[in-house]
């Protein structure tokens, strides 16, 4: 990912996947390499939503949709500053992913685009990571909510959903996954070229 990148249009690259997929650290890795701001969607949850999750209560689609609108507000703020952005967001529902994509059309951003890189992680690895986070007290999302979240996942299919790429995640470190995301994305977005 050390190649010089030429960016000539606004875009948002969303690194998505269930809790424990590593999307936050991968998004930070990519944003650092591209010198772009990063939005961590966890920072946009309402206090009520965080408390629900801490107590082991799954979020409803209404919570998720309101959350998505707040994240859009962050996207808009960066776009007004002329900055493309990298976002870490679960995007487990297609309607959420569609909402991010339709923003580009609503805002009449000529040539702008939203690209979603879905981190495909096995349930066993997700569970191990979440249990480790619980033990370390580093995140509010409990491992007990994983089955509910996986039951709500509408995994994107690049054949039927525009602007999506699926990236397999094994036990690779974040920089390796970030490179895999980046290698998968250029075919999807003409606004970045390697020179």
Protein backbone atom coordinates (compact mmCIF):
# COMPACT_ATOMS: atom_id res chain seq x y z
CA UNK A 1 0.00 0.00 0.00
CA UNK A 2 2.98 2.30 -0.37
CA UNK A 3 2.13 3.28 -3.94
CA UNK A 4 1.39 6.94 -4.60
CA UNK A 5 -2.36 7.39 -4.96
CA UNK A 6 -3.98 10.09 -7.03
CA UNK A 7 -7.43 11.06 -5.78
CA UNK A 8 -9.53 13.31 -7.97
CA UNK A 9 -13.10 12.70 -6.74
CA UNK A 10 -14.83 12.51 -3.37
CA UNK A 11 -15.35 9.02 -2.01
CA UNK A 12 -16.07 7.05 1.12
CA UNK A 13 -14.49 3.65 1.58
CA UNK A 14 -16.51 1.72 4.16
CA UNK A 15 -14.79 -1.21 5.86
CA UNK A 16 -17.68 -3.37 7.05
CA UNK A 17 -18.38 -6.61 8.86
CA UNK A 18 -19.77 -8.03 12.11
CA UNK A 19 -18.40 -7.09 15.50
CA UNK A 20 -14.96 -8.61 15.92
CA UNK A 21 -14.16 -8.63 12.20
CA UNK A 22 -11.34 -6.10 12.69
CA UNK A 23 -12.97 -3.33 10.66
CA UNK A 24 -11.85 -0.50 12.96
CA UNK A 25 -8.15 -1.37 12.93
CA UNK A 26 -8.22 -2.15 9.19
CA UNK A 27 -9.98 1.16 8.45
CA UNK A 28 -7.40 3.01 10.54
CA UNK A 29 -4.58 1.28 8.67
CA UNK A 30 -6.02 2.26 5.28
CA UNK A 31 -6.85 5.83 6.37
CA UNK A 32 -3.32 6.33 7.69
CA UNK A 33 -1.83 5.08 4.43
CA UNK A 34 -4.06 7.38 2.37
CA UNK A 35 -3.78 10.35 4.75
CA UNK A 36 -7.56 10.43 5.08
CA UNK A 37 -9.81 10.95 8.09
CA UNK A 38 -11.43 7.86 9.57
CA UNK A 39 -14.90 7.59 11.06
CA UNK A 40 -15.45 4.79 13.58
CA UNK A 41 -19.17 4.11 13.61
CA UNK A 42 -18.98 2.93 17.23
CA UNK A 43 -18.52 6.59 18.17
CA UNK A 44 -21.94 7.40 16.66
CA UNK A 45 -24.04 5.01 18.75
CA UNK A 46 -26.42 6.70 21.15
CA UNK A 47 -25.78 6.18 24.86
CA UNK A 48 -29.02 4.19 24.98
CA UNK A 49 -27.87 1.86 22.20
CA UNK A 50 -24.52 1.25 23.91
CA UNK A 51 -26.28 0.43 27.18
CA UNK A 52 -28.62 -1.97 25.39
CA UNK A 53 -25.69 -3.82 23.88
CA UNK A 54 -23.75 -3.86 27.15
CA UNK A 55 -26.76 -5.48 28.82
CA UNK A 56 -26.93 -8.14 26.08
CA UNK A 57 -29.95 -6.69 24.25
CA UNK A 58 -29.63 -6.71 20.44
CA UNK A 59 -30.26 -3.52 18.50
CA UNK A 60 -33.38 -3.24 16.38
CA UNK A 61 -33.35 -2.05 12.78
CA UNK A 62 -34.76 1.30 13.97
CA UNK A 63 -31.70 1.83 16.16
CA UNK A 64 -29.44 0.84 13.29
CA UNK A 65 -31.14 3.22 10.87
CA UNK A 66 -30.93 6.18 13.23
CA UNK A 67 -27.27 5.30 13.79
CA UNK A 68 -26.65 5.24 10.03
CA UNK A 69 -28.11 8.75 9.71
CA UNK A 70 -25.68 10.05 12.36
CA UNK A 71 -22.76 8.44 10.50
CA UNK A 72 -23.97 10.13 7.31
CA UNK A 73 -23.71 13.41 9.19
CA UNK A 74 -20.04 12.66 9.77
CA UNK A 75 -19.55 11.83 6.09
CA UNK A 76 -21.20 15.11 5.11
CA UNK A 77 -19.00 17.10 7.47
CA UNK A 78 -15.82 15.67 5.94
CA UNK A 79 -17.11 16.12 2.38
CA UNK A 80 -17.80 19.79 3.09
CA UNK A 81 -14.14 20.11 4.06
CA UNK A 82 -13.21 18.54 0.73
CA UNK A 83 -11.99 15.31 2.32
CA UNK A 84 -12.74 11.79 1.22
CA UNK A 85 -13.13 9.47 4.19
CA UNK A 86 -12.63 5.90 5.40
CA UNK A 87 -15.40 4.53 7.62
CA UNK A 88 -15.48 1.50 9.92
CA UNK A 89 -19.12 0.40 10.16
CA UNK A 90 -20.79 -2.99 10.54
CA UNK A 91 -23.35 -2.40 7.75
CA UNK A 92 -24.89 -5.81 8.46
CA UNK A 93 -28.17 -4.86 6.77
CA UNK A 94 -28.49 -4.13 3.07
CA UNK A 95 -30.80 -1.17 3.76
CA UNK A 96 -27.96 0.49 5.71
CA UNK A 97 -25.51 -0.09 2.86
CA UNK A 98 -28.08 1.24 0.38
CA UNK A 99 -28.54 4.35 2.52
CA UNK A 100 -24.84 5.16 2.33
CA UNK A 101 -24.81 4.59 -1.43
CA UNK A 102 -27.90 6.71 -2.12
CA UNK A 103 -26.36 9.64 -0.23
CA UNK A 104 -24.01 10.23 -3.16
CA UNK A 105 -26.98 10.65 -5.51
CA UNK A 106 -28.98 12.79 -3.08
CA UNK A 107 -26.06 15.13 -2.56
CA UNK A 108 -25.47 15.32 -6.34
CA UNK A 109 -21.80 14.49 -5.90
CA UNK A 110 -20.62 14.25 -9.48
CA UNK A 111 -18.25 11.32 -9.79
CA UNK A 112 -18.42 10.59 -6.06
CA UNK A 113 -18.79 7.05 -4.87
CA UNK A 114 -19.24 4.86 -1.82
CA UNK A 115 -17.38 1.55 -1.86
CA UNK A 116 -17.97 -1.12 0.76
CA UNK A 117 -15.30 -3.70 1.63
CA UNK A 118 -16.98 -6.51 3.58
CA UNK A 119 -14.61 -8.39 5.89
CA UNK A 120 -15.62 -12.04 5.70
CA UNK A 121 -14.63 -13.69 8.99
CA UNK A 122 -15.56 -17.14 10.30
CA UNK A 123 -17.98 -17.24 13.27
CA UNK A 124 -15.41 -19.15 15.34
CA UNK A 125 -12.79 -16.43 14.85
CA UNK A 126 -15.33 -13.71 15.60
CA UNK A 127 -16.30 -15.45 18.84
CA UNK A 128 -12.66 -15.87 19.90
CA UNK A 129 -11.95 -12.20 19.23
CA UNK A 130 -15.04 -11.02 21.11
CA UNK A 131 -14.22 -13.23 24.11
CA UNK A 132 -10.71 -11.79 24.11
CA UNK A 133 -12.08 -8.23 24.01
CA UNK A 134 -14.38 -9.06 26.92
CA UNK A 135 -11.48 -10.40 28.92
CA UNK A 136 -9.44 -7.28 28.14
CA UNK A 137 -12.44 -4.93 28.72
CA UNK A 138 -11.68 -3.12 25.45
CA UNK A 139 -15.17 -2.96 23.88
CA UNK A 140 -18.80 -2.69 24.93
CA UNK A 141 -20.14 -5.39 22.55
CA UNK A 142 -20.43 -8.70 24.45
CA UNK A 143 -19.71 -12.09 22.87
CA UNK A 144 -23.21 -13.18 23.92
CA UNK A 145 -24.68 -10.90 21.24
CA UNK A 146 -22.74 -12.52 18.39
CA UNK A 147 -25.38 -15.16 17.48
CA UNK A 148 -28.05 -12.45 17.30
CA UNK A 149 -25.87 -10.22 15.15
CA UNK A 150 -24.93 -13.06 12.81
CA UNK A 151 -28.63 -13.90 12.54
CA UNK A 152 -29.25 -10.33 11.34
CA UNK A 153 -26.40 -10.24 8.82
CA UNK A 154 -27.39 -9.80 5.19
CA UNK A 155 -24.03 -10.58 3.66
CA UNK A 156 -23.45 -8.50 0.53
CA UNK A 157 -23.25 -10.28 -2.80
CA UNK A 158 -21.04 -8.33 -5.22
CA UNK A 159 -22.95 -9.92 -8.11
CA UNK A 160 -26.20 -8.22 -7.09
CA UNK A 161 -25.10 -5.32 -4.90
CA UNK A 162 -23.17 -2.43 -6.47
CA UNK A 163 -19.90 -1.10 -5.10
CA UNK A 164 -19.16 -4.04 -2.81
CA UNK A 165 -16.17 -6.32 -2.51
CA UNK A 166 -15.88 -9.29 -0.13
CA UNK A 167 -12.48 -9.72 1.52
CA UNK A 168 -11.66 -12.99 3.23
CA UNK A 169 -10.09 -12.57 6.67
CA UNK A 170 -8.26 -15.45 8.25
CA UNK A 171 -5.90 -14.91 11.17
CA UNK A 172 -3.94 -12.27 9.27
CA UNK A 173 -2.73 -9.10 11.02
CA UNK A 174 -4.54 -5.81 10.21
CA UNK A 175 -1.90 -4.55 7.77
CA UNK A 176 -2.24 -7.73 5.68
CA UNK A 177 -6.04 -7.43 5.66
CA UNK A 178 -5.75 -3.73 4.78
CA UNK A 179 -3.54 -4.61 1.83
CA UNK A 180 -6.05 -7.25 0.73
CA UNK A 181 -8.86 -4.67 0.92
CA UNK A 182 -6.87 -2.19 -1.10
CA UNK A 183 -5.93 -4.74 -3.75
CA UNK A 184 -9.62 -5.62 -4.10
CA UNK A 185 -10.96 -2.08 -4.35
CA UNK A 186 -9.29 -0.35 -7.35
CA UNK A 187 -11.41 -2.22 -9.90
CA UNK A 188 -14.49 -0.78 -8.20
CA UNK A 189 -13.56 2.88 -8.12
CA UNK A 190 -12.14 4.91 -10.98
CA UNK A 191 -11.31 7.85 -8.73
CA UNK A 192 -8.07 6.30 -7.52
CA UNK A 193 -5.22 5.31 -9.80
CA UNK A 194 -1.76 3.92 -9.15
CA UNK A 195 1.18 5.72 -10.73
